[in-house]
Amino acid sequence: MSRSYKKHPIVKESARRVSHRFKGKTLASRAVRRNEIPNGKSGYKKVYCSWNVHEYAFYESEYEVRKEWDSGDSYLYQHFKTYEQALQDWKKNYKRK
């Protein structure tokens, strides 16, 4: 089992209406393939901006989860019985690779 964790608690998500999961990444690779790239990686950076690969990126720290639980967030209380379950869900989505 891997013991590595994400350095930053971020979840990246693509557009929900599109059935393909990695739509932004697909568009980026398509743009690169259609252009002549002189020297690999640096050419890729010039063809397509790396910020556009993912449509959404969500950042949430462990402190924010605790703050939302203490303030009585309705979503957390509907889906989880205890704070430990909410924290496990946060770790599954945001912390673990």
Foldseek 3Di string as FASTA:
>chain_A
DDPDKDPFQKFFFADPVDPDGFVLQVVLVVQVVVDDQDDPPVSSCVRDPPVRRTPDMDGDDPVNLVVCVVVPPPVCVVPDVDSVVVSVVSCVRGIHD
